[in-house]
């Protein structure tokens, strides 16, 4: 059985992924200029990877008799509605860096729970890959599909 503290940290990790700005943007389906479809497709791949991570974390919590808390999107995300994808990519990269720091804190907080820590470390590695994909999208380079689907 998992400790309540471990369950809390895993739920924080789950919410970071489940209610990320990337998930919000993809779910909101922003207006795209012609030619922006490949960038949005890369974001959709990242969102699909985030969903898989959420599923793994949720299953781990449930398998260890914990309770899953999925969280809500922050209300301030609505300010991103109707903005250009170019601007959104800059914001997504900034917020991704903030999320990586939060994930690192979760990894540290799970130091006494090795299996949960391994799950958090895997999420951290994927978040770094997603950051690389966002950097590629911002630089105009073709996004490597492997980064988005880590």
Protein backbone atom coordinates (compact mmCIF):
# COMPACT_ATOMS: atom_id res chain seq x y z
CA UNK A 1 0.00 0.00 0.00
CA UNK A 2 1.22 3.44 -0.94
CA UNK A 3 1.64 6.20 1.64
CA UNK A 4 -0.68 9.21 1.45
CA UNK A 5 2.35 11.44 0.79
CA UNK A 6 3.37 9.34 -2.21
CA UNK A 7 -0.21 9.40 -3.49
CA UNK A 8 -0.25 13.21 -3.17
CA UNK A 9 2.99 13.59 -5.12
CA UNK A 10 1.82 11.21 -7.85
CA UNK A 11 -1.43 13.15 -8.14
CA UNK A 12 0.54 16.39 -8.50
CA UNK A 13 2.54 14.70 -11.27
CA UNK A 14 -0.67 13.48 -12.89
CA UNK A 15 -2.22 16.98 -12.84
CA UNK A 16 0.93 18.55 -14.31
CA UNK A 17 0.45 16.28 -17.31
CA UNK A 18 -3.33 16.04 -17.47
CA UNK A 19 -3.95 19.77 -17.18
CA UNK A 20 -0.92 21.05 -19.05
CA UNK A 21 -1.15 23.98 -21.42
CA UNK A 22 -0.35 21.66 -24.33
CA UNK A 23 -3.36 19.50 -23.47
CA UNK A 24 -5.53 22.59 -23.19
CA UNK A 25 -4.40 24.00 -26.55
CA UNK A 26 -4.89 20.69 -28.35
CA UNK A 27 -8.29 20.15 -26.74
CA UNK A 28 -9.34 23.71 -27.63
CA UNK A 29 -8.32 23.14 -31.29
CA UNK A 30 -6.98 26.62 -32.11
CA UNK A 31 -7.48 28.34 -35.42
CA UNK A 32 -4.58 27.55 -37.74
CA UNK A 33 -3.13 29.51 -40.61
CA UNK A 34 -2.43 27.53 -43.77
CA UNK A 35 0.83 25.64 -43.28
CA UNK A 36 0.57 25.40 -39.48
CA UNK A 37 -0.98 21.94 -39.54
CA UNK A 38 2.38 20.11 -39.14
CA UNK A 39 3.15 22.11 -35.97
CA UNK A 40 -0.31 21.38 -34.58
CA UNK A 41 0.10 17.71 -35.45
CA UNK A 42 3.36 17.67 -33.45
CA UNK A 43 1.49 19.23 -30.51
CA UNK A 44 -1.19 16.57 -30.88
CA UNK A 45 1.50 13.86 -30.66
CA UNK A 46 2.83 15.45 -27.48
CA UNK A 47 -0.72 15.54 -26.06
CA UNK A 48 -1.18 11.86 -26.92
CA UNK A 49 2.05 11.08 -25.09
CA UNK A 50 0.86 13.13 -22.10
CA UNK A 51 -2.38 11.11 -22.06
CA UNK A 52 -0.37 7.87 -21.98
CA UNK A 53 1.67 9.22 -19.07
CA UNK A 54 -1.52 10.22 -17.24
CA UNK A 55 -2.88 6.71 -17.78
CA UNK A 56 0.31 5.08 -16.43
CA UNK A 57 0.34 7.31 -13.35
CA UNK A 58 -3.38 6.80 -12.71
CA UNK A 59 -3.04 3.00 -13.02
CA UNK A 60 -0.06 3.02 -10.67
CA UNK A 61 -2.04 5.03 -8.11
CA UNK A 62 -5.06 2.74 -8.36
CA UNK A 63 -2.96 -0.44 -8.31
CA UNK A 64 -1.50 0.78 -5.02
CA UNK A 65 -4.88 1.55 -3.43
CA UNK A 66 -4.59 5.30 -3.91
CA UNK A 67 -7.15 7.79 -5.15
CA UNK A 68 -6.73 9.59 -8.48
CA UNK A 69 -7.30 13.34 -8.70
CA UNK A 70 -7.37 14.59 -12.28
CA UNK A 71 -7.47 18.33 -11.56
CA UNK A 72 -8.99 21.17 -13.54
CA UNK A 73 -7.50 23.41 -16.18
CA UNK A 74 -6.39 26.72 -14.66
CA UNK A 75 -8.88 29.46 -15.45
CA UNK A 76 -6.11 31.69 -16.78
CA UNK A 77 -5.61 29.26 -19.70
CA UNK A 78 -8.63 30.88 -21.34
CA UNK A 79 -6.42 33.87 -22.14
CA UNK A 80 -4.75 31.66 -24.74
CA UNK A 81 -7.95 31.24 -26.74
CA UNK A 82 -7.87 32.81 -30.19
CA UNK A 83 -4.11 33.46 -30.23
CA UNK A 84 -1.82 32.63 -33.11
CA UNK A 85 0.04 29.34 -33.06
CA UNK A 86 3.34 31.24 -33.32
CA UNK A 87 2.61 33.03 -30.06
CA UNK A 88 1.25 29.86 -28.46
CA UNK A 89 4.45 27.96 -29.28
CA UNK A 90 6.49 30.54 -27.35
CA UNK A 91 4.14 30.27 -24.38
CA UNK A 92 4.08 26.48 -24.58
CA UNK A 93 7.86 26.39 -24.38
CA UNK A 94 7.93 28.78 -21.41
CA UNK A 95 5.26 26.78 -19.56
CA UNK A 96 6.96 23.47 -20.46
CA UNK A 97 10.12 24.67 -18.72
CA UNK A 98 8.04 25.52 -15.63
CA UNK A 99 6.42 22.08 -15.76
CA UNK A 100 9.82 20.39 -15.99
CA UNK A 101 10.86 22.11 -12.75
CA UNK A 102 7.63 20.91 -11.10
CA UNK A 103 8.27 17.36 -12.34
CA UNK A 104 11.82 17.49 -10.96
CA UNK A 105 10.37 18.41 -7.56
CA UNK A 106 8.07 15.39 -7.78
CA UNK A 107 11.03 13.12 -8.59
CA UNK A 108 12.87 14.46 -5.53
CA UNK A 109 9.81 14.05 -3.31
CA UNK A 110 9.52 10.39 -4.33
CA UNK A 111 13.02 9.46 -3.18
CA UNK A 112 11.66 6.89 -0.68
CA UNK A 113 9.28 5.27 -3.18
CA UNK A 114 11.51 3.70 -5.86
CA UNK A 115 8.79 2.49 -8.26
CA UNK A 116 6.91 5.79 -8.10
CA UNK A 117 10.20 7.66 -8.51
CA UNK A 118 11.01 5.63 -11.63
CA UNK A 119 7.64 6.58 -13.08
CA UNK A 120 8.32 10.26 -12.32
CA UNK A 121 11.80 10.02 -13.85
CA UNK A 122 10.28 8.56 -17.01
CA UNK A 123 7.82 11.46 -17.12
CA UNK A 124 10.72 13.88 -16.66
CA UNK A 125 12.61 12.38 -19.60
CA UNK A 126 9.53 12.62 -21.80
CA UNK A 127 9.00 16.26 -20.74
CA UNK A 128 12.56 17.06 -21.82
CA UNK A 129 11.85 15.42 -25.19
CA UNK A 130 8.68 17.49 -25.53
CA UNK A 131 10.71 20.63 -24.82
CA UNK A 132 13.09 19.66 -27.63
CA UNK A 133 10.14 19.28 -29.98
CA UNK A 134 8.82 22.72 -29.01
CA UNK A 135 12.27 24.23 -29.63
CA UNK A 136 12.34 22.63 -33.06
CA UNK A 137 8.88 23.97 -33.87
CA UNK A 138 9.90 27.47 -32.80
CA UNK A 139 13.10 27.37 -34.82
CA UNK A 140 11.21 26.29 -37.92
CA UNK A 141 13.05 22.96 -38.09
CA UNK A 142 10.96 19.89 -38.79
CA UNK A 143 9.91 18.37 -35.47
CA UNK A 144 11.27 14.88 -34.96
CA UNK A 145 8.32 12.56 -34.43
CA UNK A 146 10.31 10.52 -31.92
CA UNK A 147 10.56 13.53 -29.61
CA UNK A 148 6.83 14.08 -29.57
CA UNK A 149 6.03 10.45 -28.95
CA UNK A 150 8.63 9.65 -26.29
